[in-house]
C-alpha cells in the first residue's frame, strides 16, 4: 500500500532504482500510513524530485448492527482497529488520492458512510501534510552527498557514433578521465545516454565532454580553444572535441605579425577565440582572437585588394595546334570520354 501510494509521484524519467526502508519500532496505529508520511519526507530529503508530497491516514468505523447511528474515526488506534467495523486507509496529495485499501467486518457500507469517511480522511491528510511541510516543504535541489549520481540525457541519433568513437575509443577515454560510467542506447530514433558516478564532479565532467561532442558551434560565440598545430599562415585551434578552426595570422592581434611565433603562441596553448564565420560550402570555421582584444587608439584597417586584381600578367601566347608545346614535344591531355581514350591509346 505504501509502495502504491508513493511510486506514482516519482517522475517516470527518474533514472534511479530507489530502495525505501521503513523501520517501525512500535505501533499503536497504522504502520503503513506512517511509512507513507515518513517515506515522503525521506525521498524529498534525499533529493528525489517528487511530483507532489504524499500523506496518509487510516479511518475506522463504530456501528451497531440494525442501528442507523454510527461514528467514523480518524487515525485509529490498535483497539479501534480490533474492535471496530472498518479499517479504511487512504493516501494522497493535495490534488487527490494515490492509493486506498479497505477492510470491513460489517455487512456493507452505505454511500453516506463512505462519503463521510472519504471527506474526513481528506481533512486528516491535509492536516498531516501541513505538519510534514513544516519539516521539509519541497525536494532538495541537489542530491545528498552520499547519493550516487545518475543522470540521463538525450542526444540526436547521428551523434551516437561520435560519442562512442571508433571501437569505443572515445567513450572509454571519457570514462577513464572522469571516473563515470556511460551507457548509450538508441530508443525511438534518439540516443539515450545514462551517466552514473559516485559524485557530482565526475558527473559534471562526463556531461561536459558529451555536450561538447554533440554541440554545434555557433557564429558569434566565444570558445576556450586549444592550439593543435601552427602553420606559416596561422594556427588551427580546437574549439570543441573534433572541431578545429583556422585562426589566421591576421586575426591573432591588431598589430601586423610576420610569424605566429611572434605572438608567443605554441602548440597546446589555451586561447580564447570568437567564431566569426562558417563556410557554407566547406563547413570550415574562421576564428578571431584579436576581436576580443581592445582595438588600439587610431587603428586603421588596411584595405584588402580584391582577389581578382593580380596585376598585368601580359598576354598569354596561344598553344599550337594538336596540343604541341613550343619545344615541339606533344602535350599530354586527359581523354574526354571512353572512345577518345581508345583513340589516344591507339595513337600511342
C-alpha atoms as a PDB file:
ATOM      1  CA  UNK A   1       0.000   0.000   0.000  1.00  0.00           C
ATOM      2  CA  UNK A   2       2.793   2.443   0.848  1.00  0.00           C
ATOM      3  CA  UNK A   3       4.587   1.486  -2.386  1.00  0.00           C
ATOM      4  CA  UNK A   4       1.462   2.168  -4.449  1.00  0.00           C
ATOM      5  CA  UNK A   5       0.855   5.448  -2.643  1.00  0.00           C
ATOM      6  CA  UNK A   6       4.347   6.834  -3.294  1.00  0.00           C
ATOM      7  CA  UNK A   7       5.501   5.317  -6.594  1.00  0.00           C
ATOM      8  CA  UNK A   8       3.213   7.386  -8.804  1.00  0.00           C
ATOM      9  CA  UNK A   9       4.768  10.618  -7.515  1.00  0.00           C
ATOM     10  CA  UNK A  10       8.270   9.700  -8.677  1.00  0.00           C
ATOM     11  CA  UNK A  11       8.865  11.037 -12.243  1.00  0.00           C
ATOM     12  CA  UNK A  12       8.800   8.393 -14.981  1.00  0.00           C
ATOM     13  CA  UNK A  13      12.187   9.523 -16.342  1.00  0.00           C
ATOM     14  CA  UNK A  14      13.883   9.413 -12.926  1.00  0.00           C
ATOM     15  CA  UNK A  15      16.893   7.149 -13.677  1.00  0.00           C
ATOM     16  CA  UNK A  16      17.451   5.705 -10.186  1.00  0.00           C
ATOM     17  CA  UNK A  17      16.331   2.457  -8.678  1.00  0.00           C
ATOM     18  CA  UNK A  18      15.057   3.508  -5.237  1.00  0.00           C
ATOM     19  CA  UNK A  19      15.051   1.349  -2.118  1.00  0.00           C
ATOM     20  CA  UNK A  20      12.954   2.877   0.638  1.00  0.00           C
ATOM     21  CA  UNK A  21      13.239   1.189   4.052  1.00  0.00           C
ATOM     22  CA  UNK A  22      10.722   1.833   6.835  1.00  0.00           C
ATOM     23  CA  UNK A  23      11.640   0.522  10.277  1.00  0.00           C
ATOM     24  CA  UNK A  24       8.624   0.502  12.600  1.00  0.00           C
ATOM     25  CA  UNK A  25       9.883   0.110  16.159  1.00  0.00           C
ATOM     26  CA  UNK A  26       6.461   0.319  17.838  1.00  0.00           C
ATOM     27  CA  UNK A  27       2.919   0.745  16.573  1.00  0.00           C
ATOM     28  CA  UNK A  28      -0.462   1.597  18.044  1.00  0.00           C
ATOM     29  CA  UNK A  29      -1.786   2.822  14.726  1.00  0.00           C
ATOM     30  CA  UNK A  30      -1.241   2.322  11.017  1.00  0.00           C
ATOM     31  CA  UNK A  31       2.399   1.482  10.272  1.00  0.00           C
ATOM     32  CA  UNK A  32       1.691   1.658   6.504  1.00  0.00           C
ATOM     33  CA  UNK A  33       0.414   5.239   6.780  1.00  0.00           C
ATOM     34  CA  UNK A  34       3.411   6.150   8.939  1.00  0.00           C
ATOM     35  CA  UNK A  35       5.583   4.696   6.157  1.00  0.00           C
ATOM     36  CA  UNK A  36       3.865   6.862   3.536  1.00  0.00           C
ATOM     37  CA  UNK A  37       4.382  10.079   5.531  1.00  0.00           C
ATOM     38  CA  UNK A  38       7.942   9.280   6.610  1.00  0.00           C
ATOM     39  CA  UNK A  39       8.726   7.936   3.113  1.00  0.00           C
ATOM     40  CA  UNK A  40       7.724  11.236   1.540  1.00  0.00           C
ATOM     41  CA  UNK A  41       9.993  13.144   3.924  1.00  0.00           C
ATOM     42  CA  UNK A  42      12.886  10.741   3.298  1.00  0.00           C
ATOM     43  CA  UNK A  43      12.543  10.926  -0.503  1.00  0.00           C
ATOM     44  CA  UNK A  44      12.428  14.723  -0.538  1.00  0.00           C
ATOM     45  CA  UNK A  45      15.358  14.902   1.875  1.00  0.00           C
ATOM     46  CA  UNK A  46      17.370  12.614  -0.413  1.00  0.00           C
ATOM     47  CA  UNK A  47      16.674  14.900  -3.378  1.00  0.00           C
ATOM     48  CA  UNK A  48      14.163  12.747  -5.269  1.00  0.00           C
ATOM     49  CA  UNK A  49      12.154  15.233  -7.392  1.00  0.00           C
ATOM     50  CA  UNK A  50       8.686  14.070  -6.331  1.00  0.00           C
ATOM     51  CA  UNK A  51       5.763  15.488  -8.285  1.00  0.00           C
ATOM     52  CA  UNK A  52       3.905  16.165  -5.033  1.00  0.00           C
ATOM     53  CA  UNK A  53       4.230  15.140  -1.367  1.00  0.00           C
ATOM     54  CA  UNK A  54       2.001  12.299  -0.118  1.00  0.00           C
ATOM     55  CA  UNK A  55       0.395  11.854   3.298  1.00  0.00           C
ATOM     56  CA  UNK A  56      -1.826   9.038   4.567  1.00  0.00           C
ATOM     57  CA  UNK A  57      -4.350   8.269   7.285  1.00  0.00           C
ATOM     58  CA  UNK A  58      -6.316   5.236   8.478  1.00  0.00           C
ATOM     59  CA  UNK A  59     -10.038   5.651   9.139  1.00  0.00           C
ATOM     60  CA  UNK A  60     -12.238   3.488  11.396  1.00  0.00           C
ATOM     61  CA  UNK A  61     -15.956   2.874  11.947  1.00  0.00           C
ATOM     62  CA  UNK A  62     -18.073   2.021  15.003  1.00  0.00           C
ATOM     63  CA  UNK A  63     -21.560   0.828  14.102  1.00  0.00           C
ATOM     64  CA  UNK A  64     -24.066  -1.488  15.789  1.00  0.00           C
ATOM     65  CA  UNK A  65     -25.990  -3.869  13.534  1.00  0.00           C
ATOM     66  CA  UNK A  66     -29.518  -2.701  12.831  1.00  0.00           C
ATOM     67  CA  UNK A  67     -28.893   0.832  14.101  1.00  0.00           C
ATOM     68  CA  UNK A  68     -28.527   3.926  11.944  1.00  0.00           C
ATOM     69  CA  UNK A  69     -26.229   5.583  14.442  1.00  0.00           C
ATOM     70  CA  UNK A  70     -22.501   5.310  13.596  1.00  0.00           C
ATOM     71  CA  UNK A  71     -19.170   7.047  14.200  1.00  0.00           C
ATOM     72  CA  UNK A  72     -16.316   7.474  11.692  1.00  0.00           C
ATOM     73  CA  UNK A  73     -12.955   7.579  13.471  1.00  0.00           C
ATOM     74  CA  UNK A  74      -9.789   9.305  12.217  1.00  0.00           C
ATOM     75  CA  UNK A  75      -6.306   7.870  12.687  1.00  0.00           C
ATOM     76  CA  UNK A  76      -7.480   4.744  14.511  1.00  0.00           C
ATOM     77  CA  UNK A  77      -5.572   3.073  17.318  1.00  0.00           C
ATOM     78  CA  UNK A  78      -4.973  -0.631  17.635  1.00  0.00           C
ATOM     79  CA  UNK A  79      -8.031  -1.250  19.837  1.00  0.00           C
ATOM     80  CA  UNK A  80     -10.290   0.675  17.468  1.00  0.00           C
ATOM     81  CA  UNK A  81      -8.998  -1.395  14.579  1.00  0.00           C
ATOM     82  CA  UNK A  82      -9.534  -4.648  16.534  1.00  0.00           C
ATOM     83  CA  UNK A  83     -12.986  -3.826  17.910  1.00  0.00           C
ATOM     84  CA  UNK A  84     -14.300  -1.594  15.117  1.00  0.00           C
ATOM     85  CA  UNK A  85     -16.055  -2.393  11.851  1.00  0.00           C
ATOM     86  CA  UNK A  86     -13.733  -0.761   9.320  1.00  0.00           C
ATOM     87  CA  UNK A  87     -10.060  -0.178   8.557  1.00  0.00           C
ATOM     88  CA  UNK A  88     -10.011   2.272   5.628  1.00  0.00           C
ATOM     89  CA  UNK A  89      -6.623   3.660   4.561  1.00  0.00           C
ATOM     90  CA  UNK A  90      -6.205   6.494   2.051  1.00  0.00           C
ATOM     91  CA  UNK A  91      -3.041   8.162   0.745  1.00  0.00           C
ATOM     92  CA  UNK A  92      -2.962  11.271  -1.417  1.00  0.00           C
ATOM     93  CA  UNK A  93      -1.519  14.590  -2.467  1.00  0.00           C
ATOM     94  CA  UNK A  94      -3.261  17.978  -2.286  1.00  0.00           C
ATOM     95  CA  UNK A  95      -4.745  17.143  -5.706  1.00  0.00           C
ATOM     96  CA  UNK A  96      -6.263  13.751  -4.921  1.00  0.00           C
ATOM     97  CA  UNK A  97      -5.889  10.120  -3.856  1.00  0.00           C
ATOM     98  CA  UNK A  98      -2.916   7.957  -4.840  1.00  0.00           C
ATOM     99  CA  UNK A  99      -3.912   4.673  -3.121  1.00  0.00           C
ATOM    100  CA  UNK A 100      -6.671   3.183  -0.950  1.00  0.00           C
ATOM    101  CA  UNK A 101      -7.235  -0.031   0.981  1.00  0.00           C
ATOM    102  CA  UNK A 102     -10.299  -1.145   2.991  1.00  0.00           C
ATOM    103  CA  UNK A 103     -11.117  -3.988   5.390  1.00  0.00           C
ATOM    104  CA  UNK A 104     -14.641  -4.181   6.856  1.00  0.00           C
ATOM    105  CA  UNK A 105     -16.267  -6.504   9.364  1.00  0.00           C
ATOM    106  CA  UNK A 106     -19.859  -5.346   8.826  1.00  0.00           C
ATOM    107  CA  UNK A 107     -22.185  -6.491   6.043  1.00  0.00           C
ATOM    108  CA  UNK A 108     -21.584  -3.393   3.952  1.00  0.00           C
ATOM    109  CA  UNK A 109     -21.320   0.385   3.895  1.00  0.00           C
ATOM    110  CA  UNK A 110     -23.867   2.925   2.809  1.00  0.00           C
ATOM    111  CA  UNK A 111     -22.907   5.691   0.373  1.00  0.00           C
ATOM    112  CA  UNK A 112     -23.408   8.175   3.181  1.00  0.00           C
ATOM    113  CA  UNK A 113     -20.855   6.434   5.432  1.00  0.00           C
ATOM    114  CA  UNK A 114     -18.342   6.067   2.598  1.00  0.00           C
ATOM    115  CA  UNK A 115     -18.664   9.744   1.608  1.00  0.00           C
ATOM    116  CA  UNK A 116     -18.229  10.860   5.223  1.00  0.00           C
ATOM    117  CA  UNK A 117     -15.171   8.622   5.637  1.00  0.00           C
ATOM    118  CA  UNK A 118     -13.568   9.959   2.440  1.00  0.00           C
ATOM    119  CA  UNK A 119     -14.158  13.626   3.305  1.00  0.00           C
ATOM    120  CA  UNK A 120     -12.986  13.118   6.907  1.00  0.00           C
ATOM    121  CA  UNK A 121      -9.861  11.349   5.613  1.00  0.00           C
ATOM    122  CA  UNK A 122      -9.176  14.242   3.207  1.00  0.00           C
ATOM    123  CA  UNK A 123      -9.264  16.738   6.065  1.00  0.00           C
ATOM    124  CA  UNK A 124      -6.993  14.497   8.139  1.00  0.00           C
ATOM    125  CA  UNK A 125      -4.454  14.071   5.304  1.00  0.00           C
ATOM    126  CA  UNK A 126      -4.334  17.818   4.712  1.00  0.00           C
ATOM    127  CA  UNK A 127      -3.669  18.460   8.406  1.00  0.00           C
ATOM    128  CA  UNK A 128      -0.884  15.826   8.498  1.00  0.00           C
ATOM    129  CA  UNK A 129       0.618  17.160   5.259  1.00  0.00           C
ATOM    130  CA  UNK A 130       0.741  20.667   6.702  1.00  0.00           C
ATOM    131  CA  UNK A 131       2.740  19.372   9.683  1.00  0.00           C
ATOM    132  CA  UNK A 132       5.090  17.484   7.320  1.00  0.00           C
ATOM    133  CA  UNK A 133       5.723  20.625   5.264  1.00  0.00           C
ATOM    134  CA  UNK A 134       6.952  22.406   8.380  1.00  0.00           C
ATOM    135  CA  UNK A 135       9.898  19.985   8.349  1.00  0.00           C
ATOM    136  CA  UNK A 136      10.661  19.965   4.589  1.00  0.00           C
ATOM    137  CA  UNK A 137       8.392  21.585   2.023  1.00  0.00           C
ATOM    138  CA  UNK A 138       9.999  20.521  -1.254  1.00  0.00           C
ATOM    139  CA  UNK A 139      12.664  18.114  -2.579  1.00  0.00           C
ATOM    140  CA  UNK A 140      16.270  19.186  -2.186  1.00  0.00           C
ATOM    141  CA  UNK A 141      17.600  20.861  -5.315  1.00  0.00           C
ATOM    142  CA  UNK A 142      20.699  18.661  -5.171  1.00  0.00           C
ATOM    143  CA  UNK A 143      21.090  15.029  -4.203  1.00  0.00           C
ATOM    144  CA  UNK A 144      22.663  14.464  -0.813  1.00  0.00           C
ATOM    145  CA  UNK A 145      26.453  13.904  -0.937  1.00  0.00           C
ATOM    146  CA  UNK A 146      26.229  10.160  -0.203  1.00  0.00           C
ATOM    147  CA  UNK A 147      23.810   9.534  -3.069  1.00  0.00           C
ATOM    148  CA  UNK A 148      25.476   8.008  -6.152  1.00  0.00           C
ATOM    149  CA  UNK A 149      24.806  10.249  -9.131  1.00  0.00           C
ATOM    150  CA  UNK A 150      22.837   9.145 -12.176  1.00  0.00           C
ATOM    151  CA  UNK A 151      21.575  11.416 -14.928  1.00  0.00           C
ATOM    152  CA  UNK A 152      20.001  10.693 -18.282  1.00  0.00           C
ATOM    153  CA  UNK A 153      20.106  12.906 -21.366  1.00  0.00           C
ATOM    154  CA  UNK A 154      19.030  12.568 -24.967  1.00  0.00           C
ATOM    155  CA  UNK A 155      21.267  13.236 -27.973  1.00  0.00           C
ATOM    156  CA  UNK A 156      20.460  13.221 -31.706  1.00  0.00           C
ATOM    157  CA  UNK A 157      20.790   9.792 -33.312  1.00  0.00           C
ATOM    158  CA  UNK A 158      23.535  10.964 -35.691  1.00  0.00           C
ATOM    159  CA  UNK A 159      25.845  11.822 -32.755  1.00  0.00           C
ATOM    160  CA  UNK A 160      25.766   8.364 -31.148  1.00  0.00           C
ATOM    161  CA  UNK A 161      28.746   7.191 -33.202  1.00  0.00           C
ATOM    162  CA  UNK A 162      30.706  10.353 -32.417  1.00  0.00           C
ATOM    163  CA  UNK A 163      30.278   9.859 -28.661  1.00  0.00           C
ATOM    164  CA  UNK A 164      31.223   6.172 -28.827  1.00  0.00           C
ATOM    165  CA  UNK A 165      34.124   6.658 -31.228  1.00  0.00           C
ATOM    166  CA  UNK A 166      35.894   4.040 -33.375  1.00  0.00           C
ATOM    167  CA  UNK A 167      35.957   0.803 -31.432  1.00  0.00           C
ATOM    168  CA  UNK A 168      34.574   2.621 -28.384  1.00  0.00           C
ATOM    169  CA  UNK A 169      37.773   4.653 -28.055  1.00  0.00           C
ATOM    170  CA  UNK A 170      36.166   7.999 -27.186  1.00  0.00           C
ATOM    171  CA  UNK A 171      33.615   6.745 -24.660  1.00  0.00           C
ATOM    172  CA  UNK A 172      36.238   4.578 -22.948  1.00  0.00           C
ATOM    173  CA  UNK A 173      38.608   7.535 -22.677  1.00  0.00           C
ATOM    174  CA  UNK A 174      35.839   9.693 -21.188  1.00  0.00           C
ATOM    175  CA  UNK A 175      35.119   7.029 -18.566  1.00  0.00           C
ATOM    176  CA  UNK A 176      38.804   6.742 -17.717  1.00  0.00           C
ATOM    177  CA  UNK A 177      39.254  10.525 -17.449  1.00  0.00           C
ATOM    178  CA  UNK A 178      36.146  11.204 -15.339  1.00  0.00           C
ATOM    179  CA  UNK A 179      35.542   8.010 -13.350  1.00  0.00           C
ATOM    180  CA  UNK A 180      31.930   7.930 -14.573  1.00  0.00           C
ATOM    181  CA  UNK A 181      30.128   5.019 -16.223  1.00  0.00           C
ATOM    182  CA  UNK A 182      28.470   5.941 -19.523  1.00  0.00           C
ATOM    183  CA  UNK A 183      25.957   3.848 -21.469  1.00  0.00           C
ATOM    184  CA  UNK A 184      24.181   4.731 -24.714  1.00  0.00           C
ATOM    185  CA  UNK A 185      21.108   3.116 -26.271  1.00  0.00           C
ATOM    186  CA  UNK A 186      19.100   4.107 -29.314  1.00  0.00           C
ATOM    187  CA  UNK A 187      15.418   4.318 -28.419  1.00  0.00           C
ATOM    188  CA  UNK A 188      12.735   5.607 -30.806  1.00  0.00           C
ATOM    189  CA  UNK A 189      15.282   7.286 -33.053  1.00  0.00           C
ATOM    190  CA  UNK A 190      17.169   9.187 -30.335  1.00  0.00           C
ATOM    191  CA  UNK A 191      20.230   8.385 -28.263  1.00  0.00           C
ATOM    192  CA  UNK A 192      19.516   7.792 -24.572  1.00  0.00           C
ATOM    193  CA  UNK A 193      22.701   8.478 -22.614  1.00  0.00           C
ATOM    194  CA  UNK A 194      22.895   7.429 -18.964  1.00  0.00           C
ATOM    195  CA  UNK A 195      25.795   8.640 -16.837  1.00  0.00           C
ATOM    196  CA  UNK A 196      26.440   7.299 -13.335  1.00  0.00           C
ATOM    197  CA  UNK A 197      29.214   8.240 -10.946  1.00  0.00           C
ATOM    198  CA  UNK A 198      29.974   8.268  -7.210  1.00  0.00           C
ATOM    199  CA  UNK A 199      29.985  12.089  -7.008  1.00  0.00           C
ATOM    200  CA  UNK A 200      28.764  15.253  -8.726  1.00  0.00           C
ATOM    201  CA  UNK A 201      32.178  16.341 -10.028  1.00  0.00           C
ATOM    202  CA  UNK A 202      32.562  13.149 -12.064  1.00  0.00           C
ATOM    203  CA  UNK A 203      29.035  13.509 -13.447  1.00  0.00           C
ATOM    204  CA  UNK A 204      29.631  17.137 -14.454  1.00  0.00           C
ATOM    205  CA  UNK A 205      32.943  16.305 -16.115  1.00  0.00           C
ATOM    206  CA  UNK A 206      31.430  13.468 -18.184  1.00  0.00           C
ATOM    207  CA  UNK A 207      28.379  15.533 -19.066  1.00  0.00           C
ATOM    208  CA  UNK A 208      30.568  18.410 -20.217  1.00  0.00           C
ATOM    209  CA  UNK A 209      32.595  16.136 -22.517  1.00  0.00           C
ATOM    210  CA  UNK A 210      29.471  14.624 -24.093  1.00  0.00           C
ATOM    211  CA  UNK A 211      27.821  18.019 -24.594  1.00  0.00           C
ATOM    212  CA  UNK A 212      30.960  19.358 -26.256  1.00  0.00           C
ATOM    213  CA  UNK A 213      30.862  16.471 -28.763  1.00  0.00           C
ATOM    214  CA  UNK A 214      27.200  16.868 -29.687  1.00  0.00           C
ATOM    215  CA  UNK A 215      27.206  20.664 -29.568  1.00  0.00           C
ATOM    216  CA  UNK A 216      27.180  22.593 -32.846  1.00  0.00           C
ATOM    217  CA  UNK A 217      29.454  25.671 -32.923  1.00  0.00           C
ATOM    218  CA  UNK A 218      27.545  28.929 -33.315  1.00  0.00           C
ATOM    219  CA  UNK A 219      28.755  32.032 -35.106  1.00  0.00           C
ATOM    220  CA  UNK A 220      29.375  34.823 -32.622  1.00  0.00           C
ATOM    221  CA  UNK A 221      30.133  32.517 -29.684  1.00  0.00           C
ATOM    222  CA  UNK A 222      33.424  32.742 -27.772  1.00  0.00           C
ATOM    223  CA  UNK A 223      35.284  29.478 -27.084  1.00  0.00           C
ATOM    224  CA  UNK A 224      38.274  28.495 -24.968  1.00  0.00           C
ATOM    225  CA  UNK A 225      40.251  26.578 -27.584  1.00  0.00           C
ATOM    226  CA  UNK A 226      43.453  24.567 -27.705  1.00  0.00           C
ATOM    227  CA  UNK A 227      46.147  25.241 -30.312  1.00  0.00           C
ATOM    228  CA  UNK A 228      46.616  21.965 -32.213  1.00  0.00           C
ATOM    229  CA  UNK A 229      49.042  22.962 -34.968  1.00  0.00           C
ATOM    230  CA  UNK A 230      50.945  26.033 -36.190  1.00  0.00           C
ATOM    231  CA  UNK A 231      51.343  26.949 -39.859  1.00  0.00           C
ATOM    232  CA  UNK A 232      53.099  29.879 -41.572  1.00  0.00           C
ATOM    233  CA  UNK A 233      49.695  31.465 -42.282  1.00  0.00           C
ATOM    234  CA  UNK A 234      48.159  30.931 -38.819  1.00  0.00           C
ATOM    235  CA  UNK A 235      47.245  28.141 -36.439  1.00  0.00           C
ATOM    236  CA  UNK A 236      44.474  25.599 -36.052  1.00  0.00           C
ATOM    237  CA  UNK A 237      42.536  25.797 -32.812  1.00  0.00           C
ATOM    238  CA  UNK A 238      40.276  23.046 -31.454  1.00  0.00           C
ATOM    239  CA  UNK A 239      37.182  24.829 -30.116  1.00  0.00           C
ATOM    240  CA  UNK A 240      35.283  21.581 -29.389  1.00  0.00           C
ATOM    241  CA  UNK A 241      36.362  17.939 -29.453  1.00  0.00           C
ATOM    242  CA  UNK A 242      36.975  17.091 -33.100  1.00  0.00           C
ATOM    243  CA  UNK A 243      36.100  20.620 -34.288  1.00  0.00           C
ATOM    244  CA  UNK A 244      39.080  22.726 -35.411  1.00  0.00           C
ATOM    245  CA  UNK A 245      39.060  26.184 -36.911  1.00  0.00           C
ATOM    246  CA  UNK A 246      41.668  28.390 -38.548  1.00  0.00           C
ATOM    247  CA  UNK A 247      42.973  31.341 -36.603  1.00  0.00           C
ATOM    248  CA  UNK A 248      44.638  33.278 -39.420  1.00  0.00           C
ATOM    249  CA  UNK A 249      47.811  35.194 -38.578  1.00  0.00           C
ATOM    250  CA  UNK A 250      45.986  38.449 -39.327  1.00  0.00           C
ATOM    251  CA  UNK A 251      43.313  37.580 -36.702  1.00  0.00           C
ATOM    252  CA  UNK A 252      45.721  36.935 -33.826  1.00  0.00           C
ATOM    253  CA  UNK A 253      46.497  40.564 -32.938  1.00  0.00           C
ATOM    254  CA  UNK A 254      45.718  44.072 -34.130  1.00  0.00           C
ATOM    255  CA  UNK A 255      49.371  44.629 -34.975  1.00  0.00           C
ATOM    256  CA  UNK A 256      50.937  43.041 -38.034  1.00  0.00           C
ATOM    257  CA  UNK A 257      52.722  39.755 -37.332  1.00  0.00           C
ATOM    258  CA  UNK A 258      55.299  38.174 -39.604  1.00  0.00           C
ATOM    259  CA  UNK A 259      55.079  34.783 -37.849  1.00  0.00           C
ATOM    260  CA  UNK A 260      52.684  33.132 -35.427  1.00  0.00           C
ATOM    261  CA  UNK A 261      55.554  32.639 -33.003  1.00  0.00           C
ATOM    262  CA  UNK A 262      55.813  36.433 -32.594  1.00  0.00           C
ATOM    263  CA  UNK A 263      52.566  36.302 -30.626  1.00  0.00           C
ATOM    264  CA  UNK A 264      54.094  33.721 -28.267  1.00  0.00           C
ATOM    265  CA  UNK A 265      51.642  31.033 -29.367  1.00  0.00           C
ATOM    266  CA  UNK A 266      52.728  27.414 -29.340  1.00  0.00           C
ATOM    267  CA  UNK A 267      51.034  24.036 -29.672  1.00  0.00           C
ATOM    268  CA  UNK A 268      48.979  23.019 -26.653  1.00  0.00           C
ATOM    269  CA  UNK A 269      48.292  26.605 -25.551  1.00  0.00           C
ATOM    270  CA  UNK A 270      44.799  27.619 -24.474  1.00  0.00           C
ATOM    271  CA  UNK A 271      43.430  30.640 -26.297  1.00  0.00           C
ATOM    272  CA  UNK A 272      40.057  32.411 -26.398  1.00  0.00           C
ATOM    273  CA  UNK A 273      38.658  32.813 -29.869  1.00  0.00           C
ATOM    274  CA  UNK A 274      35.424  34.015 -31.408  1.00  0.00           C
ATOM    275  CA  UNK A 275      33.779  32.079 -34.216  1.00  0.00           C
ATOM    276  CA  UNK A 276      33.391  34.672 -36.975  1.00  0.00           C
ATOM    277  CA  UNK A 277      32.143  32.600 -39.878  1.00  0.00           C
ATOM    278  CA  UNK A 278      31.297  29.079 -41.034  1.00  0.00           C
ATOM    279  CA  UNK A 279      31.983  28.497 -44.704  1.00  0.00           C
ATOM    280  CA  UNK A 280      28.663  27.376 -46.220  1.00  0.00           C
ATOM    281  CA  UNK A 281      30.382  25.105 -48.764  1.00  0.00           C
ATOM    282  CA  UNK A 282      33.218  23.513 -46.808  1.00  0.00           C
ATOM    283  CA  UNK A 283      31.900  23.911 -43.252  1.00  0.00           C
ATOM    284  CA  UNK A 284      35.273  25.303 -42.149  1.00  0.00           C
ATOM    285  CA  UNK A 285      35.429  27.620 -39.127  1.00  0.00           C
ATOM    286  CA  UNK A 286      37.001  31.073 -39.290  1.00  0.00           C
ATOM    287  CA  UNK A 287      38.232  32.243 -35.879  1.00  0.00           C
ATOM    288  CA  UNK A 288      39.464  35.522 -34.445  1.00  0.00           C
ATOM    289  CA  UNK A 289      41.381  36.330 -31.280  1.00  0.00           C
ATOM    290  CA  UNK A 290      42.083  39.991 -31.977  1.00  0.00           C
ATOM    291  CA  UNK A 291      38.347  40.795 -31.967  1.00  0.00           C
ATOM    292  CA  UNK A 292      38.393  40.002 -28.236  1.00  0.00           C
ATOM    293  CA  UNK A 293      41.257  42.456 -27.619  1.00  0.00           C
ATOM    294  CA  UNK A 294      40.878  46.242 -27.199  1.00  0.00           C
ATOM    295  CA  UNK A 295      41.398  47.974 -30.527  1.00  0.00           C
ATOM    296  CA  UNK A 296      44.468  50.298 -30.413  1.00  0.00           C
ATOM    297  CA  UNK A 297      43.671  54.014 -30.500  1.00  0.00           C
ATOM    298  CA  UNK A 298      43.878  55.406 -34.005  1.00  0.00           C
ATOM    299  CA  UNK A 299      43.958  51.956 -35.593  1.00  0.00           C
ATOM    300  CA  UNK A 300      43.119  51.985 -39.311  1.00  0.00           C
ATOM    301  CA  UNK A 301      42.218  48.764 -41.082  1.00  0.00           C
ATOM    302  CA  UNK A 302      44.347  48.124 -44.157  1.00  0.00           C
ATOM    303  CA  UNK A 303      42.458  47.929 -47.420  1.00  0.00           C
ATOM    304  CA  UNK A 304      42.489  44.449 -48.830  1.00  0.00           C
ATOM    305  CA  UNK A 305      42.962  44.099 -52.585  1.00  0.00           C
ATOM    306  CA  UNK A 306      40.154  42.204 -54.318  1.00  0.00           C
ATOM    307  CA  UNK A 307      41.127  38.677 -55.286  1.00  0.00           C
ATOM    308  CA  UNK A 308      40.681  39.390 -59.000  1.00  0.00           C
ATOM    309  CA  UNK A 309      43.296  42.192 -59.059  1.00  0.00           C
ATOM    310  CA  UNK A 310      46.647  40.455 -59.544  1.00  0.00           C
ATOM    311  CA  UNK A 311      48.349  42.928 -61.801  1.00  0.00           C
ATOM    312  CA  UNK A 312      49.031  42.777 -65.564  1.00  0.00           C
ATOM    313  CA  UNK A 313      50.495  39.349 -66.329  1.00  0.00           C
ATOM    314  CA  UNK A 314      50.756  40.015 -70.052  1.00  0.00           C
ATOM    315  CA  UNK A 315      49.011  38.308 -72.931  1.00  0.00           C
ATOM    316  CA  UNK A 316      49.177  34.528 -72.983  1.00  0.00           C
ATOM    317  CA  UNK A 317      50.583  33.016 -76.145  1.00  0.00           C
ATOM    318  CA  UNK A 318      48.165  30.567 -77.819  1.00  0.00           C
ATOM    319  CA  UNK A 319      49.183  26.930 -77.830  1.00  0.00           C
ATOM    320  CA  UNK A 320      50.000  25.340 -81.154  1.00  0.00           C
ATOM    321  CA  UNK A 321      47.539  23.019 -82.826  1.00  0.00           C
ATOM    322  CA  UNK A 322      47.390  19.431 -81.598  1.00  0.00           C
ATOM    323  CA  UNK A 323      48.438  20.377 -78.115  1.00  0.00           C
ATOM    324  CA  UNK A 324      52.051  20.857 -79.217  1.00  0.00           C
ATOM    325  CA  UNK A 325      54.298  22.873 -76.919  1.00  0.00           C
ATOM    326  CA  UNK A 326      56.823  25.487 -78.004  1.00  0.00           C
ATOM    327  CA  UNK A 327      59.685  22.988 -77.630  1.00  0.00           C
ATOM    328  CA  UNK A 328      57.998  20.687 -80.147  1.00  0.00           C
ATOM    329  CA  UNK A 329      57.018  17.961 -77.664  1.00  0.00           C
ATOM    330  CA  UNK A 330      53.408  16.812 -77.688  1.00  0.00           C
ATOM    331  CA  UNK A 331      51.452  17.819 -74.613  1.00  0.00           C
ATOM    332  CA  UNK A 332      49.663  15.046 -72.672  1.00  0.00           C
ATOM    333  CA  UNK A 333      45.933  15.549 -72.409  1.00  0.00           C
ATOM    334  CA  UNK A 334      43.326  13.575 -70.485  1.00  0.00           C
ATOM    335  CA  UNK A 335      40.789  11.714 -72.680  1.00  0.00           C
ATOM    336  CA  UNK A 336      37.366  13.303 -72.649  1.00  0.00           C
ATOM    337  CA  UNK A 337      35.439  10.059 -72.913  1.00  0.00           C
ATOM    338  CA  UNK A 338      35.848   6.327 -73.386  1.00  0.00           C
ATOM    339  CA  UNK A 339      36.106   6.474 -77.195  1.00  0.00           C
ATOM    340  CA  UNK A 340      38.628   9.285 -77.018  1.00  0.00           C
ATOM    341  CA  UNK A 341      40.618   7.120 -74.599  1.00  0.00           C
ATOM    342  CA  UNK A 342      40.708   4.255 -77.118  1.00  0.00           C
ATOM    343  CA  UNK A 343      41.886   6.573 -79.953  1.00  0.00           C
ATOM    344  CA  UNK A 344      44.535   8.026 -77.656  1.00  0.00           C
ATOM    345  CA  UNK A 345      45.840   4.580 -76.761  1.00  0.00           C
ATOM    346  CA  UNK A 346      45.870   3.522 -80.432  1.00  0.00           C
ATOM    347  CA  UNK A 347      47.935   6.585 -81.303  1.00  0.00           C
ATOM    348  CA  UNK A 348      50.455   5.553 -78.634  1.00  0.00           C
END
